[in-house]
Amino acid sequence: MRGTVEGLESPHPVGLALPALYQENEFVQQFVAGFDGVLAPLFTTLDCLDAYFDAQVAPPDFLLWLAQWVGVALDENWPEERQRDLVARMVALYGSRGTVAGLREVVRIITGAEPEVDDSGGAAWSPVPGGEPPGRAEPRLRVRVPEGSVSRKRLEALVAGAVPAHVVVDVEVGG
């Protein structure tokens, strides 16, 4: 029997689950065939449920939902491969959130280019008792990506969400 989705047959027809007495009754079989049309998409989805939570193979509309789960705003203009890569790697990248290495990796995935990230290295402590703290006192970060890899506004939003709130950030696109 064909389901309500064109070409989709139920992997578990209801008529075959009935007692033998009803399996031989043509009216009963036609009646429960209507359930097959409704249940076929549900069974197919449940049989493939693990694939829905894998960003590399999830349907495109479900990928947008997965992105929301991991706190990523996808740009519809990005290639689908880049979107899938970001969503798949975002959970692991949360472990390095707020670090130069983590920021560099997120910017690289989103822009597709190798970013230049300079950190002031400022700290409130010194490895030597009574010594000067390393780096510059003001926490400052500069992120530079090649022209055309991403818009400045998009990069500023990305970096603002990936660095601690007290860090001053300079964003450069091109140059």
C-alpha atoms as a PDB file:
ATOM      1  CA  MET A   1       0.000   0.000   0.000  1.00  0.00           C
ATOM      2  CA  ARG A   2       1.176   3.507  -0.766  1.00  0.00           C
ATOM      3  CA  GLY A   3       1.282   6.064   2.034  1.00  0.00           C
ATOM      4  CA  THR A   4       0.243   9.705   2.071  1.00  0.00           C
ATOM      5  CA  VAL A   5       3.815  10.638   1.107  1.00  0.00           C
ATOM      6  CA  GLU A   6       4.185   9.807  -2.571  1.00  0.00           C
ATOM      7  CA  GLY A   7       6.240   6.626  -2.998  1.00  0.00           C
ATOM      8  CA  LEU A   8       6.697   6.005   0.730  1.00  0.00           C
ATOM      9  CA  GLU A   9       5.576   2.589   1.906  1.00  0.00           C
ATOM     10  CA  SER A  10       5.216   1.644   5.554  1.00  0.00           C
ATOM     11  CA  PRO A  11       8.062  -0.576   6.750  1.00  0.00           C
ATOM     12  CA  HIS A  12       5.621  -2.042   9.311  1.00  0.00           C
ATOM     13  CA  PRO A  13       2.154  -2.456   7.719  1.00  0.00           C
ATOM     14  CA  VAL A  14      -0.572  -2.539  10.368  1.00  0.00           C
ATOM     15  CA  GLY A  15      -2.511  -5.233   8.511  1.00  0.00           C
ATOM     16  CA  LEU A  16       0.320  -7.729   8.974  1.00  0.00           C
ATOM     17  CA  ALA A  17       0.287  -7.181  12.747  1.00  0.00           C
ATOM     18  CA  LEU A  18      -3.370  -8.195  13.073  1.00  0.00           C
ATOM     19  CA  PRO A  19      -4.469 -11.707  14.051  1.00  0.00           C
ATOM     20  CA  ALA A  20      -4.774 -14.189  11.148  1.00  0.00           C
ATOM     21  CA  LEU A  21      -8.569 -13.920  11.150  1.00  0.00           C
ATOM     22  CA  TYR A  22      -8.335 -10.197  10.233  1.00  0.00           C
ATOM     23  CA  GLN A  23      -5.419 -10.635   7.838  1.00  0.00           C
ATOM     24  CA  GLU A  24      -7.717 -12.676   5.594  1.00  0.00           C
ATOM     25  CA  ASN A  25     -10.525 -10.085   5.691  1.00  0.00           C
ATOM     26  CA  GLU A  26     -10.215  -7.737   2.686  1.00  0.00           C
ATOM     27  CA  PHE A  27     -12.355  -4.977   4.254  1.00  0.00           C
ATOM     28  CA  VAL A  28     -10.236  -4.895   7.429  1.00  0.00           C
ATOM     29  CA  GLN A  29      -7.020  -4.839   5.383  1.00  0.00           C
ATOM     30  CA  GLN A  30      -8.244  -1.877   3.285  1.00  0.00           C
ATOM     31  CA  PHE A  31      -9.427  -0.086   6.427  1.00  0.00           C
ATOM     32  CA  VAL A  32      -6.098  -0.376   8.285  1.00  0.00           C
ATOM     33  CA  ALA A  33      -4.155   0.500   5.113  1.00  0.00           C
ATOM     34  CA  GLY A  34      -5.201   4.109   5.803  1.00  0.00           C
ATOM     35  CA  PHE A  35      -3.206   3.943   9.021  1.00  0.00           C
ATOM     36  CA  ASP A  36      -0.159   2.822   7.044  1.00  0.00           C
ATOM     37  CA  GLY A  37      -0.266   6.045   5.043  1.00  0.00           C
ATOM     38  CA  VAL A  38      -0.260   8.113   8.222  1.00  0.00           C
ATOM     39  CA  LEU A  39       2.297   6.023  10.104  1.00  0.00           C
ATOM     40  CA  ALA A  40       4.817   5.463   7.268  1.00  0.00           C
ATOM     41  CA  PRO A  41       6.536   8.874   7.657  1.00  0.00           C
ATOM     42  CA  LEU A  42       6.629   8.416  11.429  1.00  0.00           C
ATOM     43  CA  PHE A  43       8.189   4.934  11.210  1.00  0.00           C
ATOM     44  CA  THR A  44      10.715   6.114   8.635  1.00  0.00           C
ATOM     45  CA  THR A  45      11.718   9.063  10.813  1.00  0.00           C
ATOM     46  CA  LEU A  46      12.054   6.913  13.925  1.00  0.00           C
ATOM     47  CA  ASP A  47      14.079   4.289  12.055  1.00  0.00           C
ATOM     48  CA  CYS A  48      16.561   7.028  11.046  1.00  0.00           C
ATOM     49  CA  LEU A  49      16.367   9.158  14.188  1.00  0.00           C
ATOM     50  CA  ASP A  50      20.089   9.007  14.958  1.00  0.00           C
ATOM     51  CA  ALA A  51      20.846  10.573  11.568  1.00  0.00           C
ATOM     52  CA  TYR A  52      18.784  13.633  12.500  1.00  0.00           C
ATOM     53  CA  PHE A  53      21.221  14.431  15.323  1.00  0.00           C
ATOM     54  CA  ASP A  54      24.345  14.076  13.176  1.00  0.00           C
ATOM     55  CA  ALA A  55      25.069  17.490  11.648  1.00  0.00           C
ATOM     56  CA  GLN A  56      26.837  15.912   8.664  1.00  0.00           C
ATOM     57  CA  VAL A  57      23.741  14.008   7.449  1.00  0.00           C
ATOM     58  CA  ALA A  58      20.732  15.749   9.058  1.00  0.00           C
ATOM     59  CA  PRO A  59      18.124  17.190   6.678  1.00  0.00           C
ATOM     60  CA  PRO A  60      18.867  20.880   5.917  1.00  0.00           C
ATOM     61  CA  ASP A  61      15.797  22.190   7.765  1.00  0.00           C
ATOM     62  CA  PHE A  62      16.708  20.141  10.859  1.00  0.00           C
ATOM     63  CA  LEU A  63      20.288  21.443  10.664  1.00  0.00           C
ATOM     64  CA  LEU A  64      18.964  24.932  11.438  1.00  0.00           C
ATOM     65  CA  TRP A  65      17.296  23.550  14.535  1.00  0.00           C
ATOM     66  CA  LEU A  66      20.481  21.751  15.613  1.00  0.00           C
ATOM     67  CA  ALA A  67      22.369  25.027  15.181  1.00  0.00           C
ATOM     68  CA  GLN A  68      20.005  26.679  17.657  1.00  0.00           C
ATOM     69  CA  TRP A  69      20.665  23.869  20.135  1.00  0.00           C
ATOM     70  CA  VAL A  70      24.403  24.647  20.130  1.00  0.00           C
ATOM     71  CA  GLY A  71      23.932  28.433  20.046  1.00  0.00           C
ATOM     72  CA  VAL A  72      25.028  29.108  16.470  1.00  0.00           C
ATOM     73  CA  ALA A  73      23.355  31.549  14.094  1.00  0.00           C
ATOM     74  CA  LEU A  74      23.856  30.163  10.595  1.00  0.00           C
ATOM     75  CA  ASP A  75      24.045  32.428   7.581  1.00  0.00           C
ATOM     76  CA  GLU A  76      21.905  31.115   4.703  1.00  0.00           C
ATOM     77  CA  ASN A  77      24.531  32.426   2.261  1.00  0.00           C
ATOM     78  CA  TRP A  78      27.178  30.016   3.553  1.00  0.00           C
ATOM     79  CA  PRO A  79      27.762  26.784   1.689  1.00  0.00           C
ATOM     80  CA  GLU A  80      25.909  23.913   3.340  1.00  0.00           C
ATOM     81  CA  GLU A  81      29.208  22.121   4.019  1.00  0.00           C
ATOM     82  CA  ARG A  82      30.449  25.076   6.101  1.00  0.00           C
ATOM     83  CA  GLN A  83      27.169  25.201   8.041  1.00  0.00           C
ATOM     84  CA  ARG A  84      27.355  21.472   8.788  1.00  0.00           C
ATOM     85  CA  ASP A  85      31.011  21.714   9.826  1.00  0.00           C
ATOM     86  CA  LEU A  86      30.316  24.553  12.256  1.00  0.00           C
ATOM     87  CA  VAL A  87      27.347  22.843  13.909  1.00  0.00           C
ATOM     88  CA  ALA A  88      29.217  19.540  14.182  1.00  0.00           C
ATOM     89  CA  ARG A  89      32.279  21.117  15.765  1.00  0.00           C
ATOM     90  CA  MET A  90      30.616  23.744  17.952  1.00  0.00           C
ATOM     91  CA  VAL A  91      30.049  21.508  20.971  1.00  0.00           C
ATOM     92  CA  ALA A  92      33.751  20.586  21.098  1.00  0.00           C
ATOM     93  CA  LEU A  93      34.710  24.222  20.525  1.00  0.00           C
ATOM     94  CA  TYR A  94      32.804  25.313  23.632  1.00  0.00           C
ATOM     95  CA  GLY A  95      35.627  23.772  25.655  1.00  0.00           C
ATOM     96  CA  SER A  96      38.022  26.366  24.241  1.00  0.00           C
ATOM     97  CA  ARG A  97      35.560  29.272  24.244  1.00  0.00           C
ATOM     98  CA  GLY A  98      37.152  32.527  25.383  1.00  0.00           C
ATOM     99  CA  THR A  99      40.641  31.474  24.313  1.00  0.00           C
ATOM    100  CA  VAL A 100      42.653  32.693  21.323  1.00  0.00           C
ATOM    101  CA  ALA A 101      42.813  29.154  19.925  1.00  0.00           C
ATOM    102  CA  GLY A 102      39.038  28.716  20.236  1.00  0.00           C
ATOM    103  CA  LEU A 103      38.330  32.083  18.626  1.00  0.00           C
ATOM    104  CA  ARG A 104      40.775  31.383  15.806  1.00  0.00           C
ATOM    105  CA  GLU A 105      39.079  28.046  15.055  1.00  0.00           C
ATOM    106  CA  VAL A 106      35.526  29.460  15.051  1.00  0.00           C
ATOM    107  CA  VAL A 107      36.544  32.363  12.790  1.00  0.00           C
ATOM    108  CA  ARG A 108      38.366  29.951  10.460  1.00  0.00           C
ATOM    109  CA  ILE A 109      35.306  27.725  10.128  1.00  0.00           C
ATOM    110  CA  ILE A 110      32.936  30.633   9.530  1.00  0.00           C
ATOM    111  CA  THR A 111      35.105  32.634   7.126  1.00  0.00           C
ATOM    112  CA  GLY A 112      36.866  29.751   5.420  1.00  0.00           C
ATOM    113  CA  ALA A 113      40.103  31.735   5.783  1.00  0.00           C
ATOM    114  CA  GLU A 114      42.958  31.622   8.255  1.00  0.00           C
ATOM    115  CA  PRO A 115      42.428  34.532  10.675  1.00  0.00           C
ATOM    116  CA  GLU A 116      45.153  36.584  12.282  1.00  0.00           C
ATOM    117  CA  VAL A 117      44.433  36.888  16.014  1.00  0.00           C
ATOM    118  CA  ASP A 118      46.651  39.013  18.267  1.00  0.00           C
ATOM    119  CA  ASP A 119      46.132  39.004  22.009  1.00  0.00           C
ATOM    120  CA  SER A 120      47.598  41.639  24.349  1.00  0.00           C
ATOM    121  CA  GLY A 121      48.581  38.904  26.785  1.00  0.00           C
ATOM    122  CA  GLY A 122      47.591  41.110  29.694  1.00  0.00           C
ATOM    123  CA  ALA A 123      47.312  39.460  33.078  1.00  0.00           C
ATOM    124  CA  ALA A 124      46.606  40.573  36.636  1.00  0.00           C
ATOM    125  CA  TRP A 125      49.347  38.412  38.114  1.00  0.00           C
ATOM    126  CA  SER A 126      53.076  37.912  37.691  1.00  0.00           C
ATOM    127  CA  PRO A 127      54.955  34.619  37.618  1.00  0.00           C
ATOM    128  CA  VAL A 128      57.578  36.328  39.836  1.00  0.00           C
ATOM    129  CA  PRO A 129      56.482  37.623  43.259  1.00  0.00           C
ATOM    130  CA  GLY A 130      56.329  41.419  43.161  1.00  0.00           C
ATOM    131  CA  GLY A 131      57.192  41.446  39.426  1.00  0.00           C
ATOM    132  CA  GLU A 132      55.415  43.203  36.597  1.00  0.00           C
ATOM    133  CA  PRO A 133      52.462  41.325  35.074  1.00  0.00           C
ATOM    134  CA  PRO A 134      53.146  40.006  31.555  1.00  0.00           C
ATOM    135  CA  GLY A 135      51.683  41.626  28.449  1.00  0.00           C
ATOM    136  CA  ARG A 136      49.887  44.944  28.252  1.00  0.00           C
ATOM    137  CA  ALA A 137      47.618  45.881  31.145  1.00  0.00           C
ATOM    138  CA  GLU A 138      44.466  46.416  29.081  1.00  0.00           C
ATOM    139  CA  PRO A 139      43.003  43.157  27.746  1.00  0.00           C
ATOM    140  CA  ARG A 140      42.801  43.748  23.990  1.00  0.00           C
ATOM    141  CA  LEU A 141      42.305  41.514  20.982  1.00  0.00           C
ATOM    142  CA  ARG A 142      42.740  42.146  17.271  1.00  0.00           C
ATOM    143  CA  VAL A 143      41.144  39.857  14.691  1.00  0.00           C
ATOM    144  CA  ARG A 144      41.959  40.253  11.014  1.00  0.00           C
ATOM    145  CA  VAL A 145      40.598  38.219   8.103  1.00  0.00           C
ATOM    146  CA  PRO A 146      41.136  38.597   4.347  1.00  0.00           C
ATOM    147  CA  GLU A 147      38.801  40.813   2.319  1.00  0.00           C
ATOM    148  CA  GLY A 148      35.711  39.031   1.021  1.00  0.00           C
ATOM    149  CA  SER A 149      35.746  36.173   3.532  1.00  0.00           C
ATOM    150  CA  VAL A 150      32.999  37.707   5.703  1.00  0.00           C
ATOM    151  CA  SER A 151      31.334  41.056   6.307  1.00  0.00           C
ATOM    152  CA  ARG A 152      32.753  43.245   9.049  1.00  0.00           C
ATOM    153  CA  LYS A 153      29.394  43.396  10.842  1.00  0.00           C
ATOM    154  CA  ARG A 154      29.079  39.595  10.827  1.00  0.00           C
ATOM    155  CA  LEU A 155      32.661  39.170  12.092  1.00  0.00           C
ATOM    156  CA  GLU A 156      32.133  41.717  14.895  1.00  0.00           C
ATOM    157  CA  ALA A 157      29.018  39.846  16.053  1.00  0.00           C
ATOM    158  CA  LEU A 158      30.840  36.529  15.945  1.00  0.00           C
ATOM    159  CA  VAL A 159      33.854  37.796  17.894  1.00  0.00           C
ATOM    160  CA  ALA A 160      31.676  39.615  20.470  1.00  0.00           C
ATOM    161  CA  GLY A 161      29.954  36.333  21.264  1.00  0.00           C
ATOM    162  CA  ALA A 162      33.207  34.411  21.547  1.00  0.00           C
ATOM    163  CA  VAL A 163      35.342  36.596  23.823  1.00  0.00           C
ATOM    164  CA  PRO A 164      34.916  37.680  27.450  1.00  0.00           C
ATOM    165  CA  ALA A 165      32.841  40.846  27.804  1.00  0.00           C
ATOM    166  CA  HIS A 166      35.658  42.943  29.313  1.00  0.00           C
ATOM    167  CA  VAL A 167      38.045  42.432  26.366  1.00  0.00           C
ATOM    168  CA  VAL A 168      38.353  45.305  23.884  1.00  0.00           C
ATOM    169  CA  VAL A 169      38.212  43.921  20.343  1.00  0.00           C
ATOM    170  CA  ASP A 170      39.469  45.432  17.091  1.00  0.00           C
ATOM    171  CA  VAL A 171      38.064  43.720  13.993  1.00  0.00           C
ATOM    172  CA  GLU A 172      39.640  44.176  10.563  1.00  0.00           C
ATOM    173  CA  VAL A 173      38.452  42.771   7.262  1.00  0.00           C
ATOM    174  CA  GLY A 174      41.185  42.992   4.633  1.00  0.00           C
ATOM    175  CA  GLY A 175      44.270  45.133   4.874  1.00  0.00           C
END
